[in-house]
PDB file of N, CA and C in Angstrom:
ATOM      1  N   MET A   1      30.120  -1.915  18.429  1.00  0.00           N
ATOM      2  CA  MET A   1      30.133  -1.719  16.996  1.00  0.00           C
ATOM      3  C   MET A   1      30.900  -0.463  16.651  1.00  0.00           C
ATOM      4  N   GLY A   2      31.230  -0.340  15.355  1.00  0.00           N
ATOM      5  CA  GLY A   2      32.058   0.773  14.935  1.00  0.00           C
ATOM      6  C   GLY A   2      31.276   2.028  14.637  1.00  0.00           C
ATOM      7  N   ASP A   3      31.933   2.950  13.925  1.00  0.00           N
ATOM      8  CA  ASP A   3      31.353   4.246  13.616  1.00  0.00           C
ATOM      9  C   ASP A   3      30.121   4.157  12.736  1.00  0.00           C
ATOM     10  N   THR A   4      30.021   3.108  11.915  1.00  0.00           N
ATOM     11  CA  THR A   4      28.902   2.983  10.989  1.00  0.00           C
ATOM     12  C   THR A   4      27.569   2.996  11.722  1.00  0.00           C
ATOM     13  N   SER A   5      27.482   2.312  12.863  1.00  0.00           N
ATOM     14  CA  SER A   5      26.216   2.222  13.577  1.00  0.00           C
ATOM     15  C   SER A   5      25.766   3.578  14.118  1.00  0.00           C
ATOM     16  N   ASP A   6      26.691   4.518  14.254  1.00  0.00           N
ATOM     17  CA  ASP A   6      26.331   5.837  14.769  1.00  0.00           C
ATOM     18  C   ASP A   6      25.449   6.607  13.786  1.00  0.00           C
ATOM     19  N   THR A   7      25.557   6.294  12.491  1.00  0.00           N
ATOM     20  CA  THR A   7      24.774   6.996  11.486  1.00  0.00           C
ATOM     21  C   THR A   7      23.645   6.127  10.932  1.00  0.00           C
ATOM     22  N   ALA A   8      23.541   4.884  11.381  1.00  0.00           N
ATOM     23  CA  ALA A   8      22.521   3.972  10.881  1.00  0.00           C
ATOM     24  C   ALA A   8      21.160   4.317  11.475  1.00  0.00           C
ATOM     25  N   ALA A   9      20.128   4.146  10.655  1.00  0.00           N
ATOM     26  CA  ALA A   9      18.761   4.263  11.158  1.00  0.00           C
ATOM     27  C   ALA A   9      18.516   3.074  12.087  1.00  0.00           C
ATOM     28  N   VAL A  10      17.833   3.288  13.200  1.00  0.00           N
ATOM     29  CA  VAL A  10      17.541   2.206  14.141  1.00  0.00           C
ATOM     30  C   VAL A  10      16.086   1.798  13.971  1.00  0.00           C
ATOM     31  N   TYR A  11      15.870   0.495  13.843  1.00  0.00           N
ATOM     32  CA  TYR A  11      14.529  -0.041  13.651  1.00  0.00           C
ATOM     33  C   TYR A  11      14.278  -1.058  14.749  1.00  0.00           C
ATOM     34  N   ASP A  12      13.405  -0.730  15.691  1.00  0.00           N
ATOM     35  CA  ASP A  12      13.108  -1.583  16.842  1.00  0.00           C
ATOM     36  C   ASP A  12      11.963  -2.521  16.490  1.00  0.00           C
ATOM     37  N   LEU A  13      12.286  -3.790  16.331  1.00  0.00           N
ATOM     38  CA  LEU A  13      11.288  -4.810  15.993  1.00  0.00           C
ATOM     39  C   LEU A  13      11.101  -5.797  17.138  1.00  0.00           C
ATOM     40  N   ARG A  14      11.526  -5.400  18.339  1.00  0.00           N
ATOM     41  CA  ARG A  14      11.363  -6.280  19.493  1.00  0.00           C
ATOM     42  C   ARG A  14       9.883  -6.507  19.777  1.00  0.00           C
ATOM     43  N   GLY A  15       9.561  -7.727  20.137  1.00  0.00           N
ATOM     44  CA  GLY A  15       8.184  -8.096  20.445  1.00  0.00           C
ATOM     45  C   GLY A  15       7.444  -8.693  19.256  1.00  0.00           C
ATOM     46  N   LEU A  16       8.016  -8.582  18.056  1.00  0.00           N
ATOM     47  CA  LEU A  16       7.374  -9.147  16.868  1.00  0.00           C
ATOM     48  C   LEU A  16       7.899 -10.549  16.608  1.00  0.00           C
ATOM     49  N   LYS A  17       7.017 -11.428  16.156  1.00  0.00           N
ATOM     50  CA  LYS A  17       7.384 -12.811  15.859  1.00  0.00           C
ATOM     51  C   LYS A  17       7.452 -13.034  14.357  1.00  0.00           C
ATOM     52  N   CYS A  18       8.183 -14.062  13.978  1.00  0.00           N
ATOM     53  CA  CYS A  18       8.343 -14.480  12.594  1.00  0.00           C
ATOM     54  C   CYS A  18       6.957 -14.631  11.945  1.00  0.00           C
ATOM     55  N   PRO A  19       6.768 -14.104  10.759  1.00  0.00           N
ATOM     56  CA  PRO A  19       7.727 -13.542   9.805  1.00  0.00           C
ATOM     57  C   PRO A  19       7.807 -12.010   9.833  1.00  0.00           C
ATOM     58  N   LEU A  20       7.190 -11.363  10.814  1.00  0.00           N
ATOM     59  CA  LEU A  20       7.114  -9.894  10.812  1.00  0.00           C
ATOM     60  C   LEU A  20       8.464  -9.177  10.800  1.00  0.00           C
ATOM     61  N   PRO A  21       9.486  -9.616  11.562  1.00  0.00           N
ATOM     62  CA  PRO A  21      10.756  -8.886  11.489  1.00  0.00           C
ATOM     63  C   PRO A  21      11.340  -8.821  10.073  1.00  0.00           C
ATOM     64  N   VAL A  22      11.273  -9.919   9.337  1.00  0.00           N
ATOM     65  CA  VAL A  22      11.792  -9.918   7.960  1.00  0.00           C
ATOM     66  C   VAL A  22      10.913  -9.059   7.054  1.00  0.00           C
ATOM     67  N   LEU A  23       9.608  -9.196   7.169  1.00  0.00           N
ATOM     68  CA  LEU A  23       8.703  -8.422   6.313  1.00  0.00           C
ATOM     69  C   LEU A  23       8.862  -6.924   6.542  1.00  0.00           C
ATOM     70  N   LYS A  24       8.964  -6.519   7.800  1.00  0.00           N
ATOM     71  CA  LYS A  24       9.118  -5.097   8.107  1.00  0.00           C
ATOM     72  C   LYS A  24      10.501  -4.578   7.711  1.00  0.00           C
ATOM     73  N   THR A  25      11.529  -5.425   7.860  1.00  0.00           N
ATOM     74  CA  THR A  25      12.876  -5.043   7.429  1.00  0.00           C
ATOM     75  C   THR A  25      12.904  -4.844   5.922  1.00  0.00           C
ATOM     76  N   ARG A  26      12.288  -5.756   5.181  1.00  0.00           N
ATOM     77  CA  ARG A  26      12.231  -5.640   3.723  1.00  0.00           C
ATOM     78  C   ARG A  26      11.545  -4.334   3.313  1.00  0.00           C
ATOM     79  N   ARG A  27      10.432  -4.031   3.938  1.00  0.00           N
ATOM     80  CA  ARG A  27       9.680  -2.813   3.605  1.00  0.00           C
ATOM     81  C   ARG A  27      10.497  -1.562   3.930  1.00  0.00           C
ATOM     82  N   ARG A  28      11.179  -1.572   5.064  1.00  0.00           N
ATOM     83  CA  ARG A  28      11.981  -0.412   5.478  1.00  0.00           C
ATOM     84  C   ARG A  28      13.158  -0.195   4.519  1.00  0.00           C
ATOM     85  N   LEU A  29      13.846  -1.276   4.152  1.00  0.00           N
ATOM     86  CA  LEU A  29      14.986  -1.170   3.244  1.00  0.00           C
ATOM     87  C   LEU A  29      14.557  -0.693   1.857  1.00  0.00           C
ATOM     88  N   LYS A  30      13.355  -1.046   1.456  1.00  0.00           N
ATOM     89  CA  LYS A  30      12.844  -0.648   0.142  1.00  0.00           C
ATOM     90  C   LYS A  30      12.816   0.872  -0.008  1.00  0.00           C
ATOM     91  N   ASP A  31      12.569   1.577   1.089  1.00  0.00           N
ATOM     92  CA  ASP A  31      12.479   3.038   1.079  1.00  0.00           C
ATOM     93  C   ASP A  31      13.829   3.720   1.325  1.00  0.00           C
ATOM     94  N   MET A  32      14.898   2.937   1.462  1.00  0.00           N
ATOM     95  CA  MET A  32      16.217   3.498   1.733  1.00  0.00           C
ATOM     96  C   MET A  32      17.062   3.490   0.459  1.00  0.00           C
ATOM     97  N   HIS A  33      18.152   4.237   0.479  1.00  0.00           N
ATOM     98  CA  HIS A  33      19.067   4.307  -0.663  1.00  0.00           C
ATOM     99  C   HIS A  33      20.115   3.208  -0.565  1.00  0.00           C
ATOM    100  N   SER A  34      20.593   2.756  -1.715  1.00  0.00           N
ATOM    101  CA  SER A  34      21.667   1.778  -1.757  1.00  0.00           C
ATOM    102  C   SER A  34      22.871   2.321  -0.975  1.00  0.00           C
ATOM    103  N   GLY A  35      23.443   1.486  -0.114  1.00  0.00           N
ATOM    104  CA  GLY A  35      24.580   1.894   0.704  1.00  0.00           C
ATOM    105  C   GLY A  35      24.193   2.421   2.077  1.00  0.00           C
ATOM    106  N   ASP A  36      22.890   2.694   2.303  1.00  0.00           N
ATOM    107  CA  ASP A  36      22.434   3.136   3.623  1.00  0.00           C
ATOM    108  C   ASP A  36      22.499   1.975   4.612  1.00  0.00           C
ATOM    109  N   ASP A  37      22.705   2.297   5.881  1.00  0.00           N
ATOM    110  CA  ASP A  37      22.775   1.289   6.935  1.00  0.00           C
ATOM    111  C   ASP A  37      21.514   1.325   7.791  1.00  0.00           C
ATOM    112  N   LEU A  38      21.098   0.140   8.246  1.00  0.00           N
ATOM    113  CA  LEU A  38      19.924  -0.005   9.095  1.00  0.00           C
ATOM    114  C   LEU A  38      20.294  -0.911  10.257  1.00  0.00           C
ATOM    115  N   LEU A  39      20.048  -0.437  11.475  1.00  0.00           N
ATOM    116  CA  LEU A  39      20.308  -1.224  12.680  1.00  0.00           C
ATOM    117  C   LEU A  39      18.982  -1.817  13.144  1.00  0.00           C
ATOM    118  N   ILE A  40      18.911  -3.128  13.163  1.00  0.00           N
ATOM    119  CA  ILE A  40      17.692  -3.851  13.542  1.00  0.00           C
ATOM    120  C   ILE A  40      17.845  -4.401  14.950  1.00  0.00           C
ATOM    121  N   GLU A  41      16.851  -4.166  15.781  1.00  0.00           N
ATOM    122  CA  GLU A  41      16.779  -4.772  17.119  1.00  0.00           C
ATOM    123  C   GLU A  41      15.577  -5.708  17.107  1.00  0.00           C
ATOM    124  N   THR A  42      15.773  -6.982  17.435  1.00  0.00           N
ATOM    125  CA  THR A  42      14.667  -7.926  17.434  1.00  0.00           C
ATOM    126  C   THR A  42      14.769  -8.899  18.602  1.00  0.00           C
ATOM    127  N   SER A  43      13.616  -9.357  19.064  1.00  0.00           N
ATOM    128  CA  SER A  43      13.586 -10.347  20.137  1.00  0.00           C
ATOM    129  C   SER A  43      13.130 -11.709  19.611  1.00  0.00           C
ATOM    130  N   ASP A  44      12.821 -11.805  18.327  1.00  0.00           N
ATOM    131  CA  ASP A  44      12.384 -13.064  17.734  1.00  0.00           C
ATOM    132  C   ASP A  44      13.561 -14.036  17.687  1.00  0.00           C
ATOM    133  N   PRO A  45      13.437 -15.219  18.318  1.00  0.00           N
ATOM    134  CA  PRO A  45      14.549 -16.162  18.333  1.00  0.00           C
ATOM    135  C   PRO A  45      14.950 -16.648  16.938  1.00  0.00           C
ATOM    136  N   LEU A  46      14.025 -16.656  15.996  1.00  0.00           N
ATOM    137  CA  LEU A  46      14.333 -17.111  14.644  1.00  0.00           C
ATOM    138  C   LEU A  46      15.029 -16.051  13.794  1.00  0.00           C
ATOM    139  N   ALA A  47      15.073 -14.826  14.267  1.00  0.00           N
ATOM    140  CA  ALA A  47      15.698 -13.743  13.493  1.00  0.00           C
ATOM    141  C   ALA A  47      17.176 -14.001  13.245  1.00  0.00           C
ATOM    142  N   GLY A  48      17.835 -14.718  14.135  1.00  0.00           N
ATOM    143  CA  GLY A  48      19.244 -15.043  13.968  1.00  0.00           C
ATOM    144  C   GLY A  48      19.514 -15.842  12.703  1.00  0.00           C
ATOM    145  N   ILE A  49      18.506 -16.535  12.223  1.00  0.00           N
ATOM    146  CA  ILE A  49      18.582 -17.300  10.975  1.00  0.00           C
ATOM    147  C   ILE A  49      17.915 -16.525   9.843  1.00  0.00           C
ATOM    148  N   ASP A  50      16.725 -15.993  10.122  1.00  0.00           N
ATOM    149  CA  ASP A  50      15.893 -15.382   9.077  1.00  0.00           C
ATOM    150  C   ASP A  50      16.469 -14.101   8.487  1.00  0.00           C
ATOM    151  N   ILE A  51      16.975 -13.205   9.318  1.00  0.00           N
ATOM    152  CA  ILE A  51      17.476 -11.915   8.818  1.00  0.00           C
ATOM    153  C   ILE A  51      18.707 -12.109   7.917  1.00  0.00           C
ATOM    154  N   PRO A  52      19.726 -12.890   8.331  1.00  0.00           N
ATOM    155  CA  PRO A  52      20.864 -13.098   7.427  1.00  0.00           C
ATOM    156  C   PRO A  52      20.453 -13.787   6.116  1.00  0.00           C
ATOM    157  N   HIS A  53      19.522 -14.739   6.197  1.00  0.00           N
ATOM    158  CA  HIS A  53      19.055 -15.422   4.983  1.00  0.00           C
ATOM    159  C   HIS A  53      18.363 -14.436   4.042  1.00  0.00           C
ATOM    160  N   PHE A  54      17.484 -13.617   4.591  1.00  0.00           N
ATOM    161  CA  PHE A  54      16.803 -12.595   3.795  1.00  0.00           C
ATOM    162  C   PHE A  54      17.815 -11.668   3.124  1.00  0.00           C
ATOM    163  N   CYS A  55      18.822 -11.236   3.868  1.00  0.00           N
ATOM    164  CA  CYS A  55      19.831 -10.323   3.319  1.00  0.00           C
ATOM    165  C   CYS A  55      20.587 -10.973   2.163  1.00  0.00           C
ATOM    166  N   ARG A  56      20.977 -12.232   2.321  1.00  0.00           N
ATOM    167  CA  ARG A  56      21.668 -12.938   1.232  1.00  0.00           C
ATOM    168  C   ARG A  56      20.778 -13.024  -0.005  1.00  0.00           C
ATOM    169  N   GLU A  57      19.519 -13.356   0.200  1.00  0.00           N
ATOM    170  CA  GLU A  57      18.587 -13.518  -0.917  1.00  0.00           C
ATOM    171  C   GLU A  57      18.327 -12.202  -1.647  1.00  0.00           C
ATOM    172  N   ASP A  58      18.263 -11.094  -0.910  1.00  0.00           N
ATOM    173  CA  ASP A  58      17.914  -9.801  -1.503  1.00  0.00           C
ATOM    174  C   ASP A  58      19.121  -8.925  -1.838  1.00  0.00           C
ATOM    175  N   GLY A  59      20.340  -9.412  -1.569  1.00  0.00           N
ATOM    176  CA  GLY A  59      21.541  -8.679  -1.954  1.00  0.00           C
ATOM    177  C   GLY A  59      22.003  -7.611  -0.978  1.00  0.00           C
ATOM    178  N   HIS A  60      21.557  -7.706   0.278  1.00  0.00           N
ATOM    179  CA  HIS A  60      22.009  -6.777   1.314  1.00  0.00           C
ATOM    180  C   HIS A  60      23.172  -7.413   2.085  1.00  0.00           C
ATOM    181  N   THR A  61      23.922  -6.607   2.819  1.00  0.00           N
ATOM    182  CA  THR A  61      25.072  -7.094   3.564  1.00  0.00           C
ATOM    183  C   THR A  61      24.825  -6.958   5.064  1.00  0.00           C
ATOM    184  N   VAL A  62      25.026  -8.048   5.794  1.00  0.00           N
ATOM    185  CA  VAL A  62      24.982  -7.995   7.258  1.00  0.00           C
ATOM    186  C   VAL A  62      26.387  -7.586   7.707  1.00  0.00           C
ATOM    187  N   LEU A  63      26.510  -6.333   8.143  1.00  0.00           N
ATOM    188  CA  LEU A  63      27.808  -5.813   8.584  1.00  0.00           C
ATOM    189  C   LEU A  63      28.189  -6.357   9.949  1.00  0.00           C
ATOM    190  N   SER A  64      27.187  -6.553  10.808  1.00  0.00           N
ATOM    191  CA  SER A  64      27.444  -7.157  12.112  1.00  0.00           C
ATOM    192  C   SER A  64      26.160  -7.808  12.615  1.00  0.00           C
ATOM    193  N   SER A  65      26.361  -8.816  13.422  1.00  0.00           N
ATOM    194  CA  SER A  65      25.255  -9.555  14.025  1.00  0.00           C
ATOM    195  C   SER A  65      25.692  -9.906  15.434  1.00  0.00           C
ATOM    196  N   GLU A  66      24.858  -9.577  16.397  1.00  0.00           N
ATOM    197  CA  GLU A  66      25.220  -9.934  17.771  1.00  0.00           C
ATOM    198  C   GLU A  66      24.002 -10.360  18.555  1.00  0.00           C
ATOM    199  N   LYS A  67      24.220 -11.305  19.440  1.00  0.00           N
ATOM    200  CA  LYS A  67      23.176 -11.766  20.340  1.00  0.00           C
ATOM    201  C   LYS A  67      23.116 -10.768  21.485  1.00  0.00           C
ATOM    202  N   THR A  68      21.908 -10.359  21.840  1.00  0.00           N
ATOM    203  CA  THR A  68      21.719  -9.453  22.968  1.00  0.00           C
ATOM    204  C   THR A  68      21.009 -10.212  24.078  1.00  0.00           C
ATOM    205  N   THR A  69      20.815  -9.575  25.221  1.00  0.00           N
ATOM    206  CA  THR A  69      20.154 -10.259  26.334  1.00  0.00           C
ATOM    207  C   THR A  69      18.713 -10.629  26.008  1.00  0.00           C
ATOM    208  N   ASP A  70      18.074  -9.859  25.115  1.00  0.00           N
ATOM    209  CA  ASP A  70      16.672 -10.161  24.790  1.00  0.00           C
ATOM    210  C   ASP A  70      16.448 -10.492  23.314  1.00  0.00           C
ATOM    211  N   GLY A  71      17.512 -10.787  22.560  1.00  0.00           N
ATOM    212  CA  GLY A  71      17.320 -11.149  21.157  1.00  0.00           C
ATOM    213  C   GLY A  71      18.574 -10.981  20.326  1.00  0.00           C
ATOM    214  N   HIS A  72      18.420 -10.262  19.217  1.00  0.00           N
ATOM    215  CA  HIS A  72      19.516 -10.051  18.270  1.00  0.00           C
ATOM    216  C   HIS A  72      19.571  -8.599  17.830  1.00  0.00           C
ATOM    217  N   ARG A  73      20.757  -8.207  17.390  1.00  0.00           N
ATOM    218  CA  ARG A  73      20.967  -6.881  16.807  1.00  0.00           C
ATOM    219  C   ARG A  73      21.754  -7.094  15.517  1.00  0.00           C
ATOM    220  N   PHE A  74      21.256  -6.516  14.432  1.00  0.00           N
ATOM    221  CA  PHE A  74      21.906  -6.633  13.131  1.00  0.00           C
ATOM    222  C   PHE A  74      22.161  -5.248  12.563  1.00  0.00           C
ATOM    223  N   LEU A  75      23.335  -5.067  11.980  1.00  0.00           N
ATOM    224  CA  LEU A  75      23.616  -3.867  11.219  1.00  0.00           C
ATOM    225  C   LEU A  75      23.664  -4.293   9.754  1.00  0.00           C
ATOM    226  N   ILE A  76      22.726  -3.758   8.966  1.00  0.00           N
ATOM    227  CA  ILE A  76      22.545  -4.161   7.570  1.00  0.00           C
ATOM    228  C   ILE A  76      22.848  -2.982   6.667  1.00  0.00           C
ATOM    229  N   ARG A  77      23.571  -3.264   5.595  1.00  0.00           N
ATOM    230  CA  ARG A  77      23.792  -2.249   4.554  1.00  0.00           C
ATOM    231  C   ARG A  77      22.970  -2.634   3.339  1.00  0.00           C
ATOM    232  N   LYS A  78      22.138  -1.684   2.901  1.00  0.00           N
ATOM    233  CA  LYS A  78      21.283  -1.961   1.744  1.00  0.00           C
ATOM    234  C   LYS A  78      22.154  -2.156   0.510  1.00  0.00           C
ATOM    235  N   GLY A  79      21.855  -3.225  -0.217  1.00  0.00           N
ATOM    236  CA  GLY A  79      22.585  -3.558  -1.423  1.00  0.00           C
ATOM    237  C   GLY A  79      22.124  -2.702  -2.606  1.00  0.00           C
ATOM    238  N   PRO A  80      22.829  -2.848  -3.722  1.00  0.00           N
ATOM    239  CA  PRO A  80      22.451  -2.109  -4.915  1.00  0.00           C
ATOM    240  C   PRO A  80      21.077  -2.549  -5.430  1.00  0.00           C
ATOM    241  N   VAL A  81      20.383  -1.626  -6.023  1.00  0.00           N
ATOM    242  CA  VAL A  81      19.065  -1.929  -6.583  1.00  0.00           C
ATOM    243  C   VAL A  81      19.261  -2.796  -7.819  1.00  0.00           C
ATOM    244  N   ALA A  82      18.540  -3.898  -7.870  1.00  0.00           N
ATOM    245  CA  ALA A  82      18.685  -4.832  -8.991  1.00  0.00           C
ATOM    246  C   ALA A  82      17.932  -4.357 -10.215  1.00  0.00           C
TER     247      ALA A  82
END
């Protein structure tokens, strides 16, 4: 990943099952400023579908998404407050 991930907050959600990764991501983003980046690490197999869907619904941007050996890694930019 690029330079953005170097300044992103890292949120380790490995070991949690659906729907917890999305719920915890939503709560974490709520406390962040618009334009802030959050790096999510998850082992939930459904996160590959759930996290991008949540971001589209809530107005956040998935800057990168990659499959890892034990799950997924997402770099999310918090969208503007509605």
